[in-house]
N, C-alpha and C. Protein backbone atom coordinates (compact mmCIF):
# COMPACT_ATOMS: atom_id res chain seq x y z
N MET A 1 0.53 -0.99 -0.16
CA MET A 1 -0.10 0.50 -0.20
C MET A 1 0.97 1.26 0.01
N VAL A 2 0.27 1.93 -0.63
CA VAL A 2 1.38 3.51 -1.04
C VAL A 2 0.20 4.38 -0.08
N ARG A 3 0.27 5.19 0.81
CA ARG A 3 -0.19 6.57 1.64
C ARG A 3 0.61 7.72 0.99
N ALA A 4 -0.19 9.10 0.76
CA ALA A 4 0.49 10.02 0.31
C ALA A 4 -0.83 11.14 1.02
N VAL A 5 -0.37 11.99 1.52
CA VAL A 5 -1.15 13.48 2.08
C VAL A 5 -0.89 14.46 0.60
N VAL A 6 -2.49 14.77 0.42
CA VAL A 6 -2.71 16.05 -0.56
C VAL A 6 -2.87 17.19 0.10
N LEU A 7 -2.30 18.22 -0.04
CA LEU A 7 -2.34 19.82 0.52
C LEU A 7 -3.91 20.13 -0.69
N VAL A 8 -5.29 20.81 0.21
CA VAL A 8 -5.59 21.49 -1.28
C VAL A 8 -5.56 22.77 -1.06
N LYS A 9 -5.99 23.52 -1.79
CA LYS A 9 -6.11 25.15 -1.69
C LYS A 9 -7.53 24.99 -2.70
N SER A 10 -8.58 25.97 -1.73
CA SER A 10 -9.66 26.24 -2.36
C SER A 10 -10.38 26.96 -1.41
N PRO A 11 -10.77 28.68 -1.65
CA PRO A 11 -11.93 29.17 -1.10
C PRO A 11 -13.10 28.47 -0.27
N LYS A 12 -13.32 26.97 -1.15
CA LYS A 12 -14.87 27.05 -0.36
C LYS A 12 -14.72 26.41 0.88
N ARG A 13 -15.92 26.49 1.10
CA ARG A 13 -15.81 26.13 2.91
C ARG A 13 -15.79 24.70 3.03
N LEU A 14 -16.57 23.90 2.48
CA LEU A 14 -17.00 22.54 2.65
C LEU A 14 -15.99 21.44 2.12
N ILE A 15 -14.65 22.07 1.61
CA ILE A 15 -13.84 21.07 0.76
C ILE A 15 -13.27 19.85 1.54
N ALA A 16 -13.02 19.86 2.48
CA ALA A 16 -12.82 18.86 3.11
C ALA A 16 -13.95 17.57 3.08
N ALA A 17 -15.06 17.94 3.10
CA ALA A 17 -16.35 17.15 2.62
C ALA A 17 -16.26 16.72 1.89
N ARG A 18 -16.14 17.34 0.76
CA ARG A 18 -15.70 16.89 -1.18
C ARG A 18 -15.20 15.99 -1.08
N LEU A 19 -13.71 16.47 -0.67
CA LEU A 19 -12.89 15.60 -0.27
C LEU A 19 -12.95 14.03 -0.43
N ARG A 20 -13.63 14.00 0.96
CA ARG A 20 -14.26 12.26 1.38
C ARG A 20 -14.95 12.01 -0.09
N LYS A 21 -15.71 12.40 -0.95
CA LYS A 21 -16.14 11.48 -1.67
C LYS A 21 -15.45 10.59 -2.64
N VAL A 22 -14.24 11.39 -2.80
CA VAL A 22 -13.45 10.57 -3.35
C VAL A 22 -12.83 8.96 -3.10
N ALA A 23 -13.16 8.07 -3.99
CA ALA A 23 -12.71 6.51 -3.60
C ALA A 23 -11.57 6.35 -2.63
N ALA A 24 -10.42 7.36 -3.35
CA ALA A 24 -9.01 6.57 -2.57
C ALA A 24 -8.70 7.39 -1.24
N VAL A 25 -9.75 8.34 -0.54
CA VAL A 25 -9.59 9.43 0.47
C VAL A 25 -9.71 8.72 1.54
N ASP A 26 -8.65 8.25 2.40
CA ASP A 26 -9.49 7.60 3.65
C ASP A 26 -9.79 8.73 4.02
N TYR A 27 -9.19 9.73 5.08
CA TYR A 27 -10.09 10.60 5.70
C TYR A 27 -9.34 12.47 5.07
N SER A 28 -9.78 13.39 5.33
CA SER A 28 -9.57 14.44 5.37
C SER A 28 -10.19 15.21 6.65
N PHE A 29 -9.56 16.53 6.35
CA PHE A 29 -10.52 17.74 7.18
C PHE A 29 -9.62 19.18 7.09
N PRO A 30 -10.18 20.12 7.27
CA PRO A 30 -9.71 21.37 7.13
C PRO A 30 -8.66 21.89 7.94
N ILE A 31 -7.63 22.51 7.64
CA ILE A 31 -6.56 23.37 8.23
C ILE A 31 -6.30 24.57 7.81
N SER A 32 -5.60 25.20 8.76
CA SER A 32 -5.21 26.92 8.56
C SER A 32 -4.34 27.04 7.76
N GLY A 33 -3.29 28.22 7.15
CA GLY A 33 -2.50 28.34 6.70
C GLY A 33 -2.31 28.44 5.21
N GLN A 34 -1.55 27.97 4.51
CA GLN A 34 -1.28 28.22 3.14
C GLN A 34 -2.24 27.39 2.55
N PHE A 35 -2.43 26.15 2.86
CA PHE A 35 -3.66 25.24 2.29
C PHE A 35 -4.68 25.11 3.24
N ASP A 36 -5.85 24.90 2.57
CA ASP A 36 -7.09 24.70 3.16
C ASP A 36 -7.68 23.62 3.72
N ALA A 37 -7.23 22.64 3.23
CA ALA A 37 -7.84 21.27 3.39
C ALA A 37 -6.41 20.15 3.11
N ILE A 38 -6.55 18.91 3.84
CA ILE A 38 -5.83 18.22 3.81
C ILE A 38 -6.54 16.37 3.66
N ALA A 39 -5.86 15.70 2.89
CA ALA A 39 -6.54 14.51 2.17
C ALA A 39 -5.27 13.81 2.61
N VAL A 40 -5.97 12.29 3.06
CA VAL A 40 -4.97 11.36 3.36
C VAL A 40 -5.57 10.31 2.02
N VAL A 41 -4.67 9.76 1.32
CA VAL A 41 -4.94 8.67 0.49
C VAL A 41 -4.06 7.74 0.47
N GLN A 42 -4.87 6.29 0.21
CA GLN A 42 -4.26 5.04 0.34
C GLN A 42 -4.40 4.40 -0.93
N VAL A 43 -3.63 3.88 -1.57
CA VAL A 43 -3.95 3.04 -2.61
C VAL A 43 -3.07 1.83 -3.02
N GLY A 44 -2.95 1.52 -3.67
CA GLY A 44 -2.42 0.24 -3.91
C GLY A 44 -1.00 0.17 -4.53
N SER A 45 -0.96 1.43 -5.26
CA SER A 45 0.70 1.73 -6.06
C SER A 45 0.87 3.38 -6.28
N LEU A 46 2.19 3.17 -6.31
CA LEU A 46 2.78 4.34 -6.62
C LEU A 46 1.70 5.18 -7.95
N SER A 47 1.80 4.71 -8.54
CA SER A 47 1.22 4.84 -10.09
C SER A 47 -0.04 5.13 -10.20
N GLU A 48 -1.28 5.51 -9.50
CA GLU A 48 -2.05 5.74 -8.53
C GLU A 48 -2.62 6.80 -8.13
N ILE A 49 -1.51 7.19 -7.77
CA ILE A 49 -1.43 8.63 -6.90
C ILE A 49 -2.16 9.58 -7.94
N LYS A 50 -1.66 9.74 -9.36
CA LYS A 50 -2.10 10.76 -10.12
C LYS A 50 -3.47 10.41 -10.41
N GLY A 51 -3.79 9.89 -10.69
CA GLY A 51 -5.39 9.27 -10.90
C GLY A 51 -6.18 10.01 -9.51
N VAL A 52 -5.84 9.90 -8.48
CA VAL A 52 -6.50 10.46 -7.28
C VAL A 52 -6.05 12.03 -7.31
N THR A 53 -4.84 12.44 -7.50
CA THR A 53 -5.04 14.22 -7.61
C THR A 53 -5.61 14.34 -8.20
N SER A 54 -5.83 13.98 -9.92
CA SER A 54 -6.35 14.22 -11.26
C SER A 54 -8.13 14.48 -10.55
N GLU A 55 -8.42 13.43 -9.92
CA GLU A 55 -9.83 13.54 -9.37
C GLU A 55 -10.15 14.33 -8.27
N ILE A 56 -9.40 14.83 -7.59
CA ILE A 56 -9.25 15.84 -6.51
C ILE A 56 -9.53 17.20 -7.47
N HIS A 57 -8.54 17.48 -8.40
CA HIS A 57 -8.65 18.61 -9.11
C HIS A 57 -9.87 18.78 -10.20
N LYS A 58 -10.45 17.85 -9.84
CA LYS A 58 -12.28 18.25 -10.91
C LYS A 58 -12.73 18.33 -9.80
N ILE A 59 -13.01 18.42 -8.57
CA ILE A 59 -14.00 18.83 -7.63
C ILE A 59 -13.86 20.55 -7.86
N ARG A 60 -15.22 21.42 -7.79
CA ARG A 60 -15.53 22.55 -8.12
C ARG A 60 -14.99 23.41 -6.78
N GLY A 61 -13.92 24.39 -7.66
CA GLY A 61 -13.41 25.36 -6.23
C GLY A 61 -12.13 24.88 -6.07
N VAL A 62 -11.37 23.70 -6.08
CA VAL A 62 -10.06 23.25 -6.18
C VAL A 62 -9.15 24.61 -7.14
N GLU A 63 -8.25 25.20 -6.33
CA GLU A 63 -7.52 25.78 -7.32
C GLU A 63 -5.69 24.92 -7.15
N ARG A 64 -4.86 24.32 -5.95
CA ARG A 64 -4.09 23.93 -6.47
C ARG A 64 -3.99 22.66 -5.47
N THR A 65 -2.97 21.96 -5.67
CA THR A 65 -2.73 20.65 -4.75
C THR A 65 -1.29 20.84 -4.81
N GLU A 66 -1.34 19.94 -3.55
CA GLU A 66 0.49 19.90 -3.39
C GLU A 66 0.45 18.15 -2.57
N THR A 67 1.21 17.54 -3.85
CA THR A 67 1.22 15.73 -3.12
C THR A 67 2.36 15.20 -2.26
N MET A 68 2.01 14.50 -1.21
CA MET A 68 3.44 14.21 -0.49
C MET A 68 3.38 12.79 -0.44
N VAL A 69 3.90 12.04 -0.80
CA VAL A 69 3.92 10.63 -0.07
C VAL A 69 4.99 10.11 0.76
N GLU A 70 3.99 9.28 1.41
CA GLU A 70 4.86 8.45 2.04
C GLU A 70 6.25 7.72 2.39
N VAL A 71 7.67 7.74 2.39
CA VAL A 71 8.45 7.45 2.26
C VAL A 71 8.46 6.08 3.39
N GLN A 72 8.80 4.92 2.66
CA GLN A 72 8.93 3.67 3.60
C GLN A 72 10.65 3.05 3.78
């Protein structure tokens, strides 16, 4: 399994709830600072991360993301 954290920039208030609707997102929550929410993603392989971030970018209001993959 591969786990990653996706930082999401969005002016939408309920962006964390919208992120939870993406199948590979284990959980998400709002944060303060440069980004507005975090999505914790778990997939079977590293190559699947791009597909998940593409789905996140399709959510209305998402301006940008930054993805950090867990190193084991």
